[in-house]
Amino acid sequence: RHFRLMKPSAYFINTARGPIVEHAALVQALRENWIAGAGIDVFPVEPPPKDDPLFALDNVIVAPHALAWTRELMNDNGTEASDAVLAVSRGEIPNGVVNREVLQNPKFLAKLERRRT
């Protein structure tokens, strides 16, 4: 039903996770031209079966789930990791903490405090 709400000129892009999309509905939307096309680098089952219907459609671009692996990512990834290690070694909270709850953990805070002295 959601694909019917999209404009016929719309392109559906999924580079997140395959199971977040109802695969059969996507195939139907593409076959019946409810949307113009799709760019996919994830599937409900990885690796996808060779007979997945998306492979046979002309209005689909399929790519390996590696679109983020660029030269910039590789350069920045190392720099950001090094910066985080240096921040902790100085007793500072590093940038980009994903699990913010750890910042309230007394053991973590004690470790940071020991580094400051």
PDB file of N, CA and C in Angstrom:
ATOM      1  N   ARG A   1       0.819  -1.196   0.000  1.00  0.00           N
ATOM      2  CA  ARG A   1       0.000   0.000   0.000  1.00  0.00           C
ATOM      3  C   ARG A   1       0.864   1.262   0.000  1.00  0.00           C
ATOM      4  N   HIS A   2       1.998   1.236   0.688  1.00  0.00           N
ATOM      5  CA  HIS A   2       2.845   2.426   0.763  1.00  0.00           C
ATOM      6  C   HIS A   2       3.426   2.810  -0.593  1.00  0.00           C
ATOM      7  N   PHE A   3       3.751   1.816  -1.397  1.00  0.00           N
ATOM      8  CA  PHE A   3       4.300   2.131  -2.715  1.00  0.00           C
ATOM      9  C   PHE A   3       3.261   2.811  -3.595  1.00  0.00           C
ATOM     10  N   ARG A   4       2.001   2.509  -3.402  1.00  0.00           N
ATOM     11  CA  ARG A   4       0.934   3.177  -4.170  1.00  0.00           C
ATOM     12  C   ARG A   4       0.830   4.655  -3.811  1.00  0.00           C
ATOM     13  N   LEU A   5       1.298   5.038  -2.637  1.00  0.00           N
ATOM     14  CA  LEU A   5       1.248   6.439  -2.212  1.00  0.00           C
ATOM     15  C   LEU A   5       2.368   7.272  -2.835  1.00  0.00           C
ATOM     16  N   MET A   6       3.368   6.602  -3.368  1.00  0.00           N
ATOM     17  CA  MET A   6       4.491   7.311  -3.977  1.00  0.00           C
ATOM     18  C   MET A   6       4.128   7.768  -5.390  1.00  0.00           C
ATOM     19  N   LYS A   7       4.780   8.819  -5.840  1.00  0.00           N
ATOM     20  CA  LYS A   7       4.568   9.288  -7.208  1.00  0.00           C
ATOM     21  C   LYS A   7       5.121   8.254  -8.189  1.00  0.00           C
ATOM     22  N   PRO A   8       4.536   8.150  -9.364  1.00  0.00           N
ATOM     23  CA  PRO A   8       5.055   7.210 -10.371  1.00  0.00           C
ATOM     24  C   PRO A   8       6.491   7.526 -10.799  1.00  0.00           C
ATOM     25  N   SER A   9       6.931   8.752 -10.567  1.00  0.00           N
ATOM     26  CA  SER A   9       8.299   9.142 -10.927  1.00  0.00           C
ATOM     27  C   SER A   9       9.298   8.895  -9.793  1.00  0.00           C
ATOM     28  N   ALA A  10       8.823   8.384  -8.658  1.00  0.00           N
ATOM     29  CA  ALA A  10       9.682   8.193  -7.483  1.00  0.00           C
ATOM     30  C   ALA A  10      10.585   6.972  -7.632  1.00  0.00           C
ATOM     31  N   TYR A  11      11.743   7.069  -7.005  1.00  0.00           N
ATOM     32  CA  TYR A  11      12.672   5.949  -6.911  1.00  0.00           C
ATOM     33  C   TYR A  11      12.801   5.562  -5.444  1.00  0.00           C
ATOM     34  N   PHE A  12      12.729   4.282  -5.179  1.00  0.00           N
ATOM     35  CA  PHE A  12      12.862   3.766  -3.829  1.00  0.00           C
ATOM     36  C   PHE A  12      14.304   3.322  -3.622  1.00  0.00           C
ATOM     37  N   ILE A  13      14.945   3.829  -2.573  1.00  0.00           N
ATOM     38  CA  ILE A  13      16.329   3.486  -2.266  1.00  0.00           C
ATOM     39  C   ILE A  13      16.367   2.810  -0.899  1.00  0.00           C
ATOM     40  N   ASN A  14      16.990   1.654  -0.829  1.00  0.00           N
ATOM     41  CA  ASN A  14      17.180   0.996   0.462  1.00  0.00           C
ATOM     42  C   ASN A  14      18.631   0.570   0.598  1.00  0.00           C
ATOM     43  N   THR A  15      19.342   1.273   1.477  1.00  0.00           N
ATOM     44  CA  THR A  15      20.711   0.901   1.820  1.00  0.00           C
ATOM     45  C   THR A  15      20.811   0.624   3.315  1.00  0.00           C
ATOM     46  N   ALA A  16      19.663   0.438   3.967  1.00  0.00           N
ATOM     47  CA  ALA A  16      19.631   0.235   5.415  1.00  0.00           C
ATOM     48  C   ALA A  16      19.642  -1.247   5.751  1.00  0.00           C
ATOM     49  N   ARG A  17      18.473  -1.845   5.756  1.00  0.00           N
ATOM     50  CA  ARG A  17      18.315  -3.263   6.064  1.00  0.00           C
ATOM     51  C   ARG A  17      17.228  -3.825   5.169  1.00  0.00           C
ATOM     52  N   GLY A  18      17.442  -5.002   4.625  1.00  0.00           N
ATOM     53  CA  GLY A  18      16.479  -5.621   3.728  1.00  0.00           C
ATOM     54  C   GLY A  18      15.119  -5.873   4.346  1.00  0.00           C
ATOM     55  N   PRO A  19      15.061  -6.406   5.567  1.00  0.00           N
ATOM     56  CA  PRO A  19      13.759  -6.768   6.146  1.00  0.00           C
ATOM     57  C   PRO A  19      12.844  -5.588   6.488  1.00  0.00           C
ATOM     58  N   ILE A  20      13.319  -4.355   6.373  1.00  0.00           N
ATOM     59  CA  ILE A  20      12.425  -3.234   6.685  1.00  0.00           C
ATOM     60  C   ILE A  20      11.425  -2.976   5.563  1.00  0.00           C
ATOM     61  N   VAL A  21      11.603  -3.656   4.448  1.00  0.00           N
ATOM     62  CA  VAL A  21      10.724  -3.488   3.291  1.00  0.00           C
ATOM     63  C   VAL A  21      10.010  -4.804   3.012  1.00  0.00           C
ATOM     64  N   GLU A  22       8.741  -4.710   2.705  1.00  0.00           N
ATOM     65  CA  GLU A  22       8.015  -5.908   2.287  1.00  0.00           C
ATOM     66  C   GLU A  22       8.458  -6.214   0.859  1.00  0.00           C
ATOM     67  N   HIS A  23       9.297  -7.212   0.734  1.00  0.00           N
ATOM     68  CA  HIS A  23       9.968  -7.519  -0.532  1.00  0.00           C
ATOM     69  C   HIS A  23       8.973  -7.779  -1.669  1.00  0.00           C
ATOM     70  N   ALA A  24       7.951  -8.572  -1.404  1.00  0.00           N
ATOM     71  CA  ALA A  24       6.960  -8.892  -2.446  1.00  0.00           C
ATOM     72  C   ALA A  24       6.240  -7.634  -2.912  1.00  0.00           C
ATOM     73  N   ALA A  25       5.962  -6.724  -1.993  1.00  0.00           N
ATOM     74  CA  ALA A  25       5.290  -5.472  -2.364  1.00  0.00           C
ATOM     75  C   ALA A  25       6.198  -4.606  -3.231  1.00  0.00           C
ATOM     76  N   LEU A  26       7.491  -4.582  -2.913  1.00  0.00           N
ATOM     77  CA  LEU A  26       8.441  -3.828  -3.730  1.00  0.00           C
ATOM     78  C   LEU A  26       8.503  -4.403  -5.138  1.00  0.00           C
ATOM     79  N   VAL A  27       8.593  -5.702  -5.243  1.00  0.00           N
ATOM     80  CA  VAL A  27       8.630  -6.350  -6.563  1.00  0.00           C
ATOM     81  C   VAL A  27       7.368  -6.011  -7.347  1.00  0.00           C
ATOM     82  N   GLN A  28       6.222  -6.087  -6.708  1.00  0.00           N
ATOM     83  CA  GLN A  28       4.962  -5.772  -7.386  1.00  0.00           C
ATOM     84  C   GLN A  28       4.936  -4.316  -7.834  1.00  0.00           C
ATOM     85  N   ALA A  29       5.361  -3.409  -6.966  1.00  0.00           N
ATOM     86  CA  ALA A  29       5.363  -1.983  -7.309  1.00  0.00           C
ATOM     87  C   ALA A  29       6.249  -1.708  -8.517  1.00  0.00           C
ATOM     88  N   LEU A  30       7.359  -2.400  -8.608  1.00  0.00           N
ATOM     89  CA  LEU A  30       8.274  -2.208  -9.731  1.00  0.00           C
ATOM     90  C   LEU A  30       7.750  -2.855 -11.008  1.00  0.00           C
ATOM     91  N   ARG A  31       7.201  -4.044 -10.885  1.00  0.00           N
ATOM     92  CA  ARG A  31       6.654  -4.734 -12.062  1.00  0.00           C
ATOM     93  C   ARG A  31       5.477  -3.976 -12.659  1.00  0.00           C
ATOM     94  N   GLU A  32       4.649  -3.416 -11.798  1.00  0.00           N
ATOM     95  CA  GLU A  32       3.437  -2.737 -12.261  1.00  0.00           C
ATOM     96  C   GLU A  32       3.639  -1.233 -12.436  1.00  0.00           C
ATOM     97  N   ASN A  33       4.897  -0.798 -12.342  1.00  0.00           N
ATOM     98  CA  ASN A  33       5.276   0.604 -12.566  1.00  0.00           C
ATOM     99  C   ASN A  33       4.538   1.582 -11.658  1.00  0.00           C
ATOM    100  N   TRP A  34       4.281   1.183 -10.424  1.00  0.00           N
ATOM    101  CA  TRP A  34       3.714   2.128  -9.456  1.00  0.00           C
ATOM    102  C   TRP A  34       4.760   3.189  -9.121  1.00  0.00           C
ATOM    103  N   ILE A  35       6.048   2.771  -9.179  1.00  0.00           N
ATOM    104  CA  ILE A  35       7.166   3.690  -8.990  1.00  0.00           C
ATOM    105  C   ILE A  35       8.122   3.495 -10.161  1.00  0.00           C
ATOM    106  N   ALA A  36       8.992   4.490 -10.369  1.00  0.00           N
ATOM    107  CA  ALA A  36       9.878   4.457 -11.533  1.00  0.00           C
ATOM    108  C   ALA A  36      10.994   3.426 -11.407  1.00  0.00           C
ATOM    109  N   GLY A  37      11.469   3.215 -10.199  1.00  0.00           N
ATOM    110  CA  GLY A  37      12.575   2.277 -10.051  1.00  0.00           C
ATOM    111  C   GLY A  37      13.038   2.179  -8.621  1.00  0.00           C
ATOM    112  N   ALA A  38      14.123   1.428  -8.437  1.00  0.00           N
ATOM    113  CA  ALA A  38      14.672   1.227  -7.101  1.00  0.00           C
ATOM    114  C   ALA A  38      16.174   1.029  -7.173  1.00  0.00           C
ATOM    115  N   GLY A  39      16.833   1.439  -6.116  1.00  0.00           N
ATOM    116  CA  GLY A  39      18.247   1.175  -5.894  1.00  0.00           C
ATOM    117  C   GLY A  39      18.359   0.385  -4.603  1.00  0.00           C
ATOM    118  N   ILE A  40      18.904  -0.803  -4.681  1.00  0.00           N
ATOM    119  CA  ILE A  40      18.903  -1.727  -3.552  1.00  0.00           C
ATOM    120  C   ILE A  40      20.313  -2.255  -3.313  1.00  0.00           C
ATOM    121  N   ASP A  41      20.754  -2.233  -2.068  1.00  0.00           N
ATOM    122  CA  ASP A  41      21.997  -2.943  -1.753  1.00  0.00           C
ATOM    123  C   ASP A  41      21.829  -3.851  -0.535  1.00  0.00           C
ATOM    124  N   VAL A  42      20.572  -4.091  -0.158  1.00  0.00           N
ATOM    125  CA  VAL A  42      20.264  -5.019   0.933  1.00  0.00           C
ATOM    126  C   VAL A  42      19.045  -5.849   0.562  1.00  0.00           C
ATOM    127  N   PHE A  43      18.991  -7.033   1.088  1.00  0.00           N
ATOM    128  CA  PHE A  43      17.892  -7.961   0.799  1.00  0.00           C
ATOM    129  C   PHE A  43      17.406  -8.582   2.100  1.00  0.00           C
ATOM    130  N   PRO A  44      16.186  -9.120   2.088  1.00  0.00           N
ATOM    131  CA  PRO A  44      15.681  -9.764   3.309  1.00  0.00           C
ATOM    132  C   PRO A  44      16.541 -10.947   3.738  1.00  0.00           C
ATOM    133  N   VAL A  45      17.117 -11.640   2.759  1.00  0.00           N
ATOM    134  CA  VAL A  45      18.021 -12.759   3.021  1.00  0.00           C
ATOM    135  C   VAL A  45      19.343 -12.424   2.353  1.00  0.00           C
ATOM    136  N   GLU A  46      20.425 -12.489   3.102  1.00  0.00           N
ATOM    137  CA  GLU A  46      21.756 -12.208   2.554  1.00  0.00           C
ATOM    138  C   GLU A  46      22.588 -13.479   2.580  1.00  0.00           C
ATOM    139  N   PRO A  47      23.241 -13.821   1.514  1.00  0.00           N
ATOM    140  CA  PRO A  47      23.108 -13.222   0.190  1.00  0.00           C
ATOM    141  C   PRO A  47      21.762 -13.586  -0.419  1.00  0.00           C
ATOM    142  N   PRO A  48      21.300 -12.749  -1.338  1.00  0.00           N
ATOM    143  CA  PRO A  48      20.000 -13.030  -1.955  1.00  0.00           C
ATOM    144  C   PRO A  48      20.076 -14.255  -2.859  1.00  0.00           C
ATOM    145  N   PRO A  49      18.970 -14.952  -3.002  1.00  0.00           N
ATOM    146  CA  PRO A  49      18.973 -16.090  -3.930  1.00  0.00           C
ATOM    147  C   PRO A  49      19.172 -15.604  -5.365  1.00  0.00           C
ATOM    148  N   LYS A  50      19.802 -16.416  -6.170  1.00  0.00           N
ATOM    149  CA  LYS A  50      20.086 -16.033  -7.560  1.00  0.00           C
ATOM    150  C   LYS A  50      18.829 -15.776  -8.367  1.00  0.00           C
ATOM    151  N   ASP A  51      17.712 -16.372  -7.954  1.00  0.00           N
ATOM    152  CA  ASP A  51      16.464 -16.179  -8.696  1.00  0.00           C
ATOM    153  C   ASP A  51      15.577 -15.088  -8.087  1.00  0.00           C
ATOM    154  N   ASP A  52      16.161 -14.215  -7.255  1.00  0.00           N
ATOM    155  CA  ASP A  52      15.370 -13.113  -6.694  1.00  0.00           C
ATOM    156  C   ASP A  52      14.780 -12.307  -7.843  1.00  0.00           C
ATOM    157  N   PRO A  53      13.479 -12.017  -7.813  1.00  0.00           N
ATOM    158  CA  PRO A  53      12.834 -11.325  -8.932  1.00  0.00           C
ATOM    159  C   PRO A  53      13.387  -9.930  -9.211  1.00  0.00           C
ATOM    160  N   LEU A  54      14.008  -9.295  -8.230  1.00  0.00           N
ATOM    161  CA  LEU A  54      14.563  -7.958  -8.480  1.00  0.00           C
ATOM    162  C   LEU A  54      15.673  -7.992  -9.522  1.00  0.00           C
ATOM    163  N   PHE A  55      16.403  -9.104  -9.597  1.00  0.00           N
ATOM    164  CA  PHE A  55      17.501  -9.208 -10.559  1.00  0.00           C
ATOM    165  C   PHE A  55      17.014  -9.176 -12.005  1.00  0.00           C
ATOM    166  N   ALA A  56      15.774  -9.520 -12.238  1.00  0.00           N
ATOM    167  CA  ALA A  56      15.238  -9.596 -13.603  1.00  0.00           C
ATOM    168  C   ALA A  56      14.584  -8.295 -14.059  1.00  0.00           C
ATOM    169  N   LEU A  57      14.499  -7.309 -13.183  1.00  0.00           N
ATOM    170  CA  LEU A  57      13.788  -6.071 -13.525  1.00  0.00           C
ATOM    171  C   LEU A  57      14.751  -5.021 -14.070  1.00  0.00           C
ATOM    172  N   ASP A  58      14.329  -4.360 -15.146  1.00  0.00           N
ATOM    173  CA  ASP A  58      15.160  -3.328 -15.765  1.00  0.00           C
ATOM    174  C   ASP A  58      15.162  -2.013 -14.991  1.00  0.00           C
ATOM    175  N   ASN A  59      14.189  -1.828 -14.114  1.00  0.00           N
ATOM    176  CA  ASN A  59      14.095  -0.558 -13.392  1.00  0.00           C
ATOM    177  C   ASN A  59      14.676  -0.653 -11.980  1.00  0.00           C
ATOM    178  N   VAL A  60      15.614  -1.577 -11.794  1.00  0.00           N
ATOM    179  CA  VAL A  60      16.264  -1.768 -10.494  1.00  0.00           C
ATOM    180  C   VAL A  60      17.773  -1.758 -10.673  1.00  0.00           C
ATOM    181  N   ILE A  61      18.441  -1.042  -9.798  1.00  0.00           N
ATOM    182  CA  ILE A  61      19.897  -1.104  -9.712  1.00  0.00           C
ATOM    183  C   ILE A  61      20.218  -1.834  -8.417  1.00  0.00           C
ATOM    184  N   VAL A  62      20.975  -2.909  -8.537  1.00  0.00           N
ATOM    185  CA  VAL A  62      21.372  -3.701  -7.374  1.00  0.00           C
ATOM    186  C   VAL A  62      22.874  -3.532  -7.191  1.00  0.00           C
ATOM    187  N   ALA A  63      23.275  -3.241  -5.979  1.00  0.00           N
ATOM    188  CA  ALA A  63      24.691  -3.057  -5.667  1.00  0.00           C
ATOM    189  C   ALA A  63      25.034  -3.863  -4.415  1.00  0.00           C
ATOM    190  N   PRO A  64      26.302  -4.199  -4.241  1.00  0.00           N
ATOM    191  CA  PRO A  64      26.685  -4.874  -3.001  1.00  0.00           C
ATOM    192  C   PRO A  64      26.521  -3.925  -1.819  1.00  0.00           C
ATOM    193  N   HIS A  65      26.288  -4.479  -0.655  1.00  0.00           N
ATOM    194  CA  HIS A  65      26.093  -3.655   0.547  1.00  0.00           C
ATOM    195  C   HIS A  65      27.450  -3.119   1.006  1.00  0.00           C
ATOM    196  N   ALA A  66      28.021  -2.283   0.187  1.00  0.00           N
ATOM    197  CA  ALA A  66      29.334  -1.720   0.470  1.00  0.00           C
ATOM    198  C   ALA A  66      29.431  -0.291  -0.042  1.00  0.00           C
ATOM    199  N   LEU A  67      28.307   0.361  -0.241  1.00  0.00           N
ATOM    200  CA  LEU A  67      28.312   1.697  -0.835  1.00  0.00           C
ATOM    201  C   LEU A  67      28.998   2.733   0.046  1.00  0.00           C
ATOM    202  N   ALA A  68      29.062   2.484   1.351  1.00  0.00           N
ATOM    203  CA  ALA A  68      29.687   3.455   2.249  1.00  0.00           C
ATOM    204  C   ALA A  68      31.206   3.331   2.272  1.00  0.00           C
ATOM    205  N   TRP A  69      31.734   2.244   1.743  1.00  0.00           N
ATOM    206  CA  TRP A  69      33.172   2.015   1.813  1.00  0.00           C
ATOM    207  C   TRP A  69      33.898   2.834   0.752  1.00  0.00           C
ATOM    208  N   THR A  70      34.118   4.082   1.073  1.00  0.00           N
ATOM    209  CA  THR A  70      34.792   5.001   0.165  1.00  0.00           C
ATOM    210  C   THR A  70      36.171   5.355   0.724  1.00  0.00           C
ATOM    211  N   ARG A  71      36.975   5.980  -0.079  1.00  0.00           N
ATOM    212  CA  ARG A  71      38.287   6.446   0.374  1.00  0.00           C
ATOM    213  C   ARG A  71      38.125   7.402   1.554  1.00  0.00           C
ATOM    214  N   GLU A  72      37.124   8.278   1.474  1.00  0.00           N
ATOM    215  CA  GLU A  72      36.896   9.232   2.556  1.00  0.00           C
ATOM    216  C   GLU A  72      36.555   8.527   3.860  1.00  0.00           C
ATOM    217  N   LEU A  73      35.712   7.510   3.774  1.00  0.00           N
ATOM    218  CA  LEU A  73      35.355   6.767   4.981  1.00  0.00           C
ATOM    219  C   LEU A  73      36.595   6.125   5.588  1.00  0.00           C
ATOM    220  N   MET A  74      37.395   5.500   4.763  1.00  0.00           N
ATOM    221  CA  MET A  74      38.579   4.819   5.280  1.00  0.00           C
ATOM    222  C   MET A  74      39.534   5.812   5.937  1.00  0.00           C
ATOM    223  N   ASN A  75      39.729   6.971   5.319  1.00  0.00           N
ATOM    224  CA  ASN A  75      40.606   7.986   5.908  1.00  0.00           C
ATOM    225  C   ASN A  75      40.026   8.520   7.210  1.00  0.00           C
ATOM    226  N   ASP A  76      38.759   8.895   7.186  1.00  0.00           N
ATOM    227  CA  ASP A  76      38.123   9.491   8.359  1.00  0.00           C
ATOM    228  C   ASP A  76      37.948   8.485   9.480  1.00  0.00           C
ATOM    229  N   ASN A  77      37.689   7.237   9.138  1.00  0.00           N
ATOM    230  CA  ASN A  77      37.474   6.203  10.140  1.00  0.00           C
ATOM    231  C   ASN A  77      38.703   6.063  11.034  1.00  0.00           C
ATOM    232  N   GLY A  78      39.861   6.010  10.437  1.00  0.00           N
ATOM    233  CA  GLY A  78      41.094   5.897  11.214  1.00  0.00           C
ATOM    234  C   GLY A  78      41.356   7.126  12.052  1.00  0.00           C
ATOM    235  N   THR A  79      41.113   8.298  11.480  1.00  0.00           N
ATOM    236  CA  THR A  79      41.318   9.545  12.208  1.00  0.00           C
ATOM    237  C   THR A  79      40.370   9.644  13.391  1.00  0.00           C
ATOM    238  N   GLU A  80      39.103   9.321  13.168  1.00  0.00           N
ATOM    239  CA  GLU A  80      38.123   9.401  14.251  1.00  0.00           C
ATOM    240  C   GLU A  80      38.433   8.403  15.357  1.00  0.00           C
ATOM    241  N   ALA A  81      38.847   7.210  14.996  1.00  0.00           N
ATOM    242  CA  ALA A  81      39.202   6.211  16.009  1.00  0.00           C
ATOM    243  C   ALA A  81      40.407   6.680  16.820  1.00  0.00           C
ATOM    244  N   SER A  82      41.414   7.223  16.146  1.00  0.00           N
ATOM    245  CA  SER A  82      42.602   7.730  16.843  1.00  0.00           C
ATOM    246  C   SER A  82      42.242   8.884  17.763  1.00  0.00           C
ATOM    247  N   ASP A  83      41.413   9.787  17.284  1.00  0.00           N
ATOM    248  CA  ASP A  83      40.977  10.918  18.108  1.00  0.00           C
ATOM    249  C   ASP A  83      40.241  10.444  19.353  1.00  0.00           C
ATOM    250  N   ALA A  84      39.413   9.403  19.212  1.00  0.00           N
ATOM    251  CA  ALA A  84      38.667   8.874  20.356  1.00  0.00           C
ATOM    252  C   ALA A  84      39.615   8.263  21.383  1.00  0.00           C
ATOM    253  N   VAL A  85      40.599   7.508  20.920  1.00  0.00           N
ATOM    254  CA  VAL A  85      41.571   6.903  21.841  1.00  0.00           C
ATOM    255  C   VAL A  85      42.345   7.994  22.574  1.00  0.00           C
ATOM    256  N   LEU A  86      42.776   9.009  21.854  1.00  0.00           N
ATOM    257  CA  LEU A  86      43.517  10.102  22.487  1.00  0.00           C
ATOM    258  C   LEU A  86      42.654  10.856  23.490  1.00  0.00           C
ATOM    259  N   ALA A  87      41.387  11.078  23.169  1.00  0.00           N
ATOM    260  CA  ALA A  87      40.488  11.772  24.100  1.00  0.00           C
ATOM    261  C   ALA A  87      40.358  10.988  25.401  1.00  0.00           C
ATOM    262  N   VAL A  88      40.126   9.696  25.305  1.00  0.00           N
ATOM    263  CA  VAL A  88      39.991   8.872  26.517  1.00  0.00           C
ATOM    264  C   VAL A  88      41.299   8.865  27.297  1.00  0.00           C
ATOM    265  N   SER A  89      42.428   8.819  26.597  1.00  0.00           N
ATOM    266  CA  SER A  89      43.721   8.813  27.296  1.00  0.00           C
ATOM    267  C   SER A  89      43.958  10.121  28.049  1.00  0.00           C
ATOM    268  N   ARG A  90      43.291  11.191  27.624  1.00  0.00           N
ATOM    269  CA  ARG A  90      43.373  12.479  28.327  1.00  0.00           C
ATOM    270  C   ARG A  90      42.275  12.629  29.377  1.00  0.00           C
ATOM    271  N   GLY A  91      41.422  11.600  29.501  1.00  0.00           N
ATOM    272  CA  GLY A  91      40.327  11.672  30.458  1.00  0.00           C
ATOM    273  C   GLY A  91      39.132  12.446  29.934  1.00  0.00           C
ATOM    274  N   GLU A  92      39.038  12.566  28.634  1.00  0.00           N
ATOM    275  CA  GLU A  92      37.931  13.302  28.009  1.00  0.00           C
ATOM    276  C   GLU A  92      36.945  12.332  27.367  1.00  0.00           C
ATOM    277  N   ILE A  93      35.722  12.774  27.242  1.00  0.00           N
ATOM    278  CA  ILE A  93      34.706  11.974  26.555  1.00  0.00           C
ATOM    279  C   ILE A  93      34.931  12.128  25.053  1.00  0.00           C
ATOM    280  N   PRO A  94      35.071  11.020  24.343  1.00  0.00           N
ATOM    281  CA  PRO A  94      35.314  11.123  22.899  1.00  0.00           C
ATOM    282  C   PRO A  94      34.066  11.562  22.139  1.00  0.00           C
ATOM    283  N   ASN A  95      34.278  12.135  20.980  1.00  0.00           N
ATOM    284  CA  ASN A  95      33.163  12.491  20.092  1.00  0.00           C
ATOM    285  C   ASN A  95      32.529  11.227  19.535  1.00  0.00           C
ATOM    286  N   GLY A  96      31.260  11.320  19.193  1.00  0.00           N
ATOM    287  CA  GLY A  96      30.592  10.242  18.481  1.00  0.00           C
ATOM    288  C   GLY A  96      30.199   9.052  19.326  1.00  0.00           C
ATOM    289  N   VAL A  97      30.053   9.237  20.635  1.00  0.00           N
ATOM    290  CA  VAL A  97      29.633   8.115  21.477  1.00  0.00           C
ATOM    291  C   VAL A  97      28.211   7.729  21.087  1.00  0.00           C
ATOM    292  N   VAL A  98      28.018   6.492  20.686  1.00  0.00           N
ATOM    293  CA  VAL A  98      26.704   6.015  20.261  1.00  0.00           C
ATOM    294  C   VAL A  98      25.869   5.615  21.467  1.00  0.00           C
ATOM    295  N   ASN A  99      26.454   4.862  22.378  1.00  0.00           N
ATOM    296  CA  ASN A  99      25.751   4.423  23.579  1.00  0.00           C
ATOM    297  C   ASN A  99      25.955   5.485  24.659  1.00  0.00           C
ATOM    298  N   ARG A 100      25.111   6.511  24.635  1.00  0.00           N
ATOM    299  CA  ARG A 100      25.255   7.644  25.553  1.00  0.00           C
ATOM    300  C   ARG A 100      25.036   7.241  27.012  1.00  0.00           C
ATOM    301  N   GLU A 101      24.373   6.116  27.250  1.00  0.00           N
ATOM    302  CA  GLU A 101      24.146   5.662  28.624  1.00  0.00           C
ATOM    303  C   GLU A 101      25.459   5.384  29.347  1.00  0.00           C
ATOM    304  N   VAL A 102      26.482   4.979  28.611  1.00  0.00           N
ATOM    305  CA  VAL A 102      27.767   4.682  29.241  1.00  0.00           C
ATOM    306  C   VAL A 102      28.350   5.926  29.906  1.00  0.00           C
ATOM    307  N   LEU A 103      27.961   7.093  29.437  1.00  0.00           N
ATOM    308  CA  LEU A 103      28.485   8.334  30.005  1.00  0.00           C
ATOM    309  C   LEU A 103      27.971   8.575  31.419  1.00  0.00           C
ATOM    310  N   GLN A 104      26.952   7.828  31.839  1.00  0.00           N
ATOM    311  CA  GLN A 104      26.420   7.923  33.200  1.00  0.00           C
ATOM    312  C   GLN A 104      26.921   6.779  34.081  1.00  0.00           C
ATOM    313  N   ASN A 105      27.682   5.870  33.512  1.00  0.00           N
ATOM    314  CA  ASN A 105      28.157   4.698  34.241  1.00  0.00           C
ATOM    315  C   ASN A 105      29.298   5.099  35.175  1.00  0.00           C
ATOM    316  N   PRO A 106      29.140   4.873  36.486  1.00  0.00           N
ATOM    317  CA  PRO A 106      30.184   5.269  37.443  1.00  0.00           C
ATOM    318  C   PRO A 106      31.552   4.646  37.154  1.00  0.00           C
ATOM    319  N   LYS A 107      31.589   3.405  36.682  1.00  0.00           N
ATOM    320  CA  LYS A 107      32.875   2.768  36.386  1.00  0.00           C
ATOM    321  C   LYS A 107      33.579   3.467  35.225  1.00  0.00           C
ATOM    322  N   PHE A 108      32.809   3.813  34.194  1.00  0.00           N
ATOM    323  CA  PHE A 108      33.394   4.522  33.053  1.00  0.00           C
ATOM    324  C   PHE A 108      33.897   5.895  33.487  1.00  0.00           C
ATOM    325  N   LEU A 109      33.084   6.603  34.256  1.00  0.00           N
ATOM    326  CA  LEU A 109      33.474   7.937  34.723  1.00  0.00           C
ATOM    327  C   LEU A 109      34.705   7.865  35.621  1.00  0.00           C
ATOM    328  N   ALA A 110      34.811   6.814  36.433  1.00  0.00           N
ATOM    329  CA  ALA A 110      35.989   6.646  37.288  1.00  0.00           C
ATOM    330  C   ALA A 110      37.241   6.427  36.437  1.00  0.00           C
ATOM    331  N   LYS A 111      37.110   5.644  35.363  1.00  0.00           N
ATOM    332  CA  LYS A 111      38.249   5.426  34.464  1.00  0.00           C
ATOM    333  C   LYS A 111      38.692   6.740  33.830  1.00  0.00           C
ATOM    334  N   LEU A 112      37.732   7.535  33.399  1.00  0.00           N
ATOM    335  CA  LEU A 112      38.086   8.831  32.807  1.00  0.00           C
ATOM    336  C   LEU A 112      38.780   9.712  33.827  1.00  0.00           C
ATOM    337  N   GLU A 113      38.282   9.708  35.045  1.00  0.00           N
ATOM    338  CA  GLU A 113      38.866  10.541  36.101  1.00  0.00           C
ATOM    339  C   GLU A 113      40.310  10.121  36.389  1.00  0.00           C
ATOM    340  N   ARG A 114      40.583   8.822  36.407  1.00  0.00           N
ATOM    341  CA  ARG A 114      41.955   8.344  36.634  1.00  0.00           C
ATOM    342  C   ARG A 114      42.894   8.822  35.527  1.00  0.00           C
ATOM    343  N   ARG A 115      42.389   8.927  34.317  1.00  0.00           N
ATOM    344  CA  ARG A 115      43.215   9.374  33.188  1.00  0.00           C
ATOM    345  C   ARG A 115      43.555  10.863  33.297  1.00  0.00           C
ATOM    346  N   ARG A 116      42.695  11.608  33.951  1.00  0.00           N
ATOM    347  CA  ARG A 116      42.918  13.062  34.054  1.00  0.00           C
ATOM    348  C   ARG A 116      44.087  13.389  34.973  1.00  0.00           C
ATOM    349  N   THR A 117      44.396  12.500  35.882  1.00  0.00           N
ATOM    350  CA  THR A 117      45.442  12.810  36.868  1.00  0.00           C
ATOM    351  C   THR A 117      46.795  12.309  36.450  1.00  0.00           C
TER     352      THR A 117
END
